[in-house]
N, C-alpha and C. Protein backbone atom coordinates (compact mmCIF):
# COMPACT_ATOMS: atom_id res chain seq x y z
N UNK A 1 -12.60 3.63 -0.41
CA UNK A 1 -11.27 4.79 0.21
C UNK A 1 -10.22 4.92 -0.53
N UNK A 2 -9.79 6.17 -1.19
CA UNK A 2 -8.65 6.28 -1.91
C UNK A 2 -7.22 6.81 -0.88
N UNK A 3 -5.99 6.61 -1.45
CA UNK A 3 -5.14 6.75 -0.74
C UNK A 3 -4.06 7.56 -1.85
N UNK A 4 -3.07 8.32 -1.78
CA UNK A 4 -2.33 8.73 -2.52
C UNK A 4 -0.78 9.53 -1.59
N UNK A 5 0.36 9.33 -1.88
CA UNK A 5 1.12 9.08 -1.20
C UNK A 5 2.32 8.60 -1.44
N UNK A 6 3.75 9.25 -0.86
CA UNK A 6 4.55 8.31 -1.38
C UNK A 6 5.12 7.18 -0.78
N UNK A 7 6.41 6.62 -1.52
CA UNK A 7 6.52 5.05 -0.84
C UNK A 7 8.14 5.02 -1.09
N UNK A 8 8.57 4.24 -0.06
CA UNK A 8 9.90 4.37 -0.07
C UNK A 8 10.28 3.31 -1.44
N UNK A 9 11.36 3.55 -1.78
CA UNK A 9 12.02 2.75 -2.75
C UNK A 9 12.51 1.22 -2.62
N UNK A 10 12.99 1.06 -1.10
CA UNK A 10 13.75 -0.25 -0.57
C UNK A 10 12.18 -0.81 0.11
N UNK A 11 11.15 -0.85 -0.39
CA UNK A 11 10.20 -2.01 -0.40
C UNK A 11 10.30 -2.62 -1.57
N UNK A 12 9.85 -3.99 -1.00
CA UNK A 12 10.28 -5.39 -1.98
C UNK A 12 9.07 -5.33 -3.01
N UNK A 13 7.99 -4.64 -2.46
CA UNK A 13 6.67 -4.65 -3.68
C UNK A 13 6.77 -3.73 -4.69
N UNK A 14 7.99 -3.16 -4.73
CA UNK A 14 8.18 -1.70 -5.63
C UNK A 14 9.13 -2.28 -7.02
N UNK A 15 8.66 -2.44 -7.84
CA UNK A 15 9.74 -3.49 -9.00
C UNK A 15 10.90 -2.32 -9.35
N UNK A 16 12.07 -3.10 -9.34
CA UNK A 16 13.27 -2.30 -9.86
C UNK A 16 13.24 -2.12 -10.28
N UNK A 17 12.63 -1.57 -12.12
CA UNK A 17 12.57 -0.85 -12.96
C UNK A 17 12.38 0.57 -12.30
N UNK A 18 11.58 1.02 -11.43
CA UNK A 18 11.03 2.06 -11.06
C UNK A 18 11.83 2.68 -10.27
N UNK A 19 12.94 1.64 -9.62
CA UNK A 19 13.98 2.59 -8.80
C UNK A 19 15.36 2.39 -9.40
N UNK A 20 15.47 1.94 -10.48
CA UNK A 20 17.01 2.38 -11.18
C UNK A 20 17.08 3.70 -11.83
N UNK A 21 17.63 4.37 -11.29
CA UNK A 21 17.90 5.98 -11.70
C UNK A 21 19.29 6.15 -12.67
N UNK A 22 19.62 5.01 -12.86
CA UNK A 22 21.14 5.09 -13.72
C UNK A 22 20.46 5.20 -15.36
N UNK A 23 19.58 4.77 -15.70
CA UNK A 23 19.32 5.18 -16.99
C UNK A 23 18.15 5.87 -17.00
N UNK A 24 18.12 6.86 -16.27
CA UNK A 24 17.16 8.00 -16.42
C UNK A 24 17.75 9.33 -16.38
N UNK A 25 17.03 10.08 -17.22
CA UNK A 25 16.94 11.71 -17.41
C UNK A 25 16.51 12.54 -16.00
N UNK A 26 17.31 13.46 -16.07
CA UNK A 26 16.56 14.39 -15.05
C UNK A 26 14.93 15.01 -15.80
N UNK A 27 14.77 15.06 -14.54
CA UNK A 27 12.59 15.27 -14.72
C UNK A 27 11.81 14.55 -15.76
N UNK A 28 12.46 12.74 -15.68
CA UNK A 28 11.73 11.83 -16.16
C UNK A 28 10.67 11.55 -15.53
N UNK A 29 9.67 10.81 -16.00
CA UNK A 29 8.35 10.23 -15.30
C UNK A 29 8.49 8.93 -15.81
N UNK A 30 8.00 8.00 -14.94
CA UNK A 30 7.63 6.57 -15.13
C UNK A 30 6.58 6.39 -14.73
N UNK A 31 5.57 5.77 -15.43
CA UNK A 31 4.39 5.12 -14.66
C UNK A 31 4.02 3.64 -14.89
N UNK A 32 3.31 3.21 -13.73
CA UNK A 32 3.20 1.68 -13.41
C UNK A 32 1.62 1.85 -12.88
N UNK A 33 1.17 0.61 -13.62
CA UNK A 33 -0.50 0.37 -13.42
C UNK A 33 -0.95 -0.79 -13.37
N UNK A 34 -1.55 -0.68 -12.01
CA UNK A 34 -2.16 -2.37 -11.64
C UNK A 34 -4.18 -1.70 -12.07
N UNK A 35 -4.83 -3.25 -11.72
CA UNK A 35 -6.20 -2.40 -11.67
C UNK A 35 -6.56 -1.55 -11.13
N UNK A 36 -5.90 -1.62 -9.62
CA UNK A 36 -6.48 -0.62 -8.41
C UNK A 36 -5.31 0.35 -8.00
N UNK A 37 -4.19 0.33 -8.86
CA UNK A 37 -3.37 1.15 -8.32
C UNK A 37 -2.39 2.22 -9.61
N UNK A 38 -1.89 3.07 -8.97
CA UNK A 38 -0.77 3.73 -10.04
C UNK A 38 0.44 3.76 -9.34
N UNK A 39 1.57 3.56 -9.68
CA UNK A 39 2.62 3.74 -9.16
C UNK A 39 3.48 4.84 -9.95
N UNK A 40 4.03 6.05 -9.69
CA UNK A 40 4.92 7.05 -10.60
C UNK A 40 5.92 7.33 -10.21
N UNK A 41 7.03 7.06 -10.97
CA UNK A 41 8.46 7.12 -10.22
C UNK A 41 8.87 8.67 -10.89
N UNK A 42 9.47 9.37 -10.91
CA UNK A 42 9.70 10.42 -10.89
C UNK A 42 11.71 10.84 -10.10
N UNK A 43 12.19 11.81 -11.10
CA UNK A 43 13.58 11.89 -11.18
C UNK A 43 13.74 13.59 -11.09
N UNK A 44 14.08 13.87 -10.20
CA UNK A 44 13.50 15.60 -9.67
C UNK A 44 14.91 16.28 -10.55
N UNK A 45 14.60 17.56 -10.83
CA UNK A 45 15.62 18.24 -12.23
C UNK A 45 16.85 19.28 -11.39
N UNK A 46 16.21 19.66 -10.15
CA UNK A 46 17.55 20.36 -9.75
C UNK A 46 18.70 19.69 -9.12
N UNK A 47 19.90 20.23 -9.09
CA UNK A 47 21.37 19.56 -9.05
C UNK A 47 21.17 19.35 -7.81
N UNK A 48 20.34 19.86 -7.21
CA UNK A 48 21.08 19.37 -5.07
C UNK A 48 20.22 17.79 -5.13
N UNK A 49 19.13 17.99 -6.16
CA UNK A 49 18.17 16.39 -5.64
C UNK A 49 18.68 15.30 -6.96
N UNK A 50 19.61 15.54 -7.62
CA UNK A 50 19.63 14.81 -8.65
C UNK A 50 20.00 13.64 -8.51
N UNK A 51 20.36 13.30 -7.45
CA UNK A 51 20.17 11.46 -6.81
C UNK A 51 19.25 11.13 -6.24
N UNK A 52 18.09 11.96 -6.29
CA UNK A 52 16.93 11.40 -5.48
C UNK A 52 16.41 10.56 -6.18
N UNK A 53 15.40 9.64 -5.99
CA UNK A 53 13.81 9.49 -6.78
C UNK A 53 12.47 9.63 -5.54
N UNK A 54 11.95 10.14 -6.02
CA UNK A 54 9.97 10.11 -5.62
C UNK A 54 9.33 9.06 -6.34
N UNK A 55 9.00 8.38 -5.79
CA UNK A 55 7.78 7.10 -5.88
C UNK A 55 6.32 7.83 -5.09
N UNK A 56 5.47 8.04 -6.08
CA UNK A 56 4.03 8.27 -5.38
C UNK A 56 3.26 7.07 -5.70
N UNK A 57 2.19 6.46 -5.06
CA UNK A 57 1.58 5.75 -4.69
C UNK A 57 0.06 5.72 -4.54
N UNK A 58 -1.08 5.79 -5.63
CA UNK A 58 -2.28 6.54 -5.54
C UNK A 58 -3.07 5.21 -6.17
N UNK A 59 -4.32 5.46 -5.31
CA UNK A 59 -5.52 4.41 -5.91
C UNK A 59 -6.47 5.35 -6.31
N UNK A 60 -6.15 6.50 -6.62
CA UNK A 60 -7.33 7.47 -6.78
C UNK A 60 -6.71 7.79 -8.67
N UNK A 61 -5.97 8.11 -9.08
CA UNK A 61 -5.46 8.47 -10.61
C UNK A 61 -5.31 6.75 -11.02
N UNK A 62 -5.74 7.20 -12.59
CA UNK A 62 -6.12 6.08 -13.48
C UNK A 62 -5.35 6.44 -14.75
N UNK A 63 -4.86 7.71 -15.02
CA UNK A 63 -4.49 8.12 -16.00
C UNK A 63 -3.01 8.61 -15.94
N UNK A 64 -2.11 8.02 -17.10
CA UNK A 64 -0.62 8.66 -17.40
C UNK A 64 -0.90 9.97 -17.83
N UNK A 65 -1.42 11.23 -16.97
CA UNK A 65 -1.25 12.51 -17.39
C UNK A 65 -0.54 13.31 -16.66
N UNK A 66 -0.33 14.59 -16.41
CA UNK A 66 0.25 15.28 -16.29
C UNK A 66 -0.02 16.88 -16.06
N UNK A 67 -0.73 17.87 -15.23
CA UNK A 67 -1.40 18.92 -14.91
C UNK A 67 -0.36 20.02 -15.26
N UNK A 68 -0.58 20.83 -15.82
CA UNK A 68 0.20 22.34 -16.15
C UNK A 68 0.15 23.21 -14.81
N UNK A 69 -0.73 23.14 -13.98
CA UNK A 69 -0.93 23.92 -12.86
C UNK A 69 0.69 24.42 -12.29
N UNK A 70 1.29 23.76 -12.05
CA UNK A 70 2.24 24.23 -11.19
C UNK A 70 2.11 24.40 -9.91
N UNK A 71 1.43 23.01 -9.34
CA UNK A 71 1.52 22.91 -8.48
C UNK A 71 1.85 21.54 -7.53
């Protein structure tokens, strides 16, 4: 079974380095890997969402690559 989805930043299992927006540029992406999971931290680029942080947790993705499909 695999899963992909967002996770809230206030969960105790999420490392502080992945939720700290102060030292991150707009549009920046950070990856964190374990043997089974990938955690992606993304800072959106729009002015409306500049204070937000998106965390994606996946058991399906194993490489730090980003596609150019625009989806």
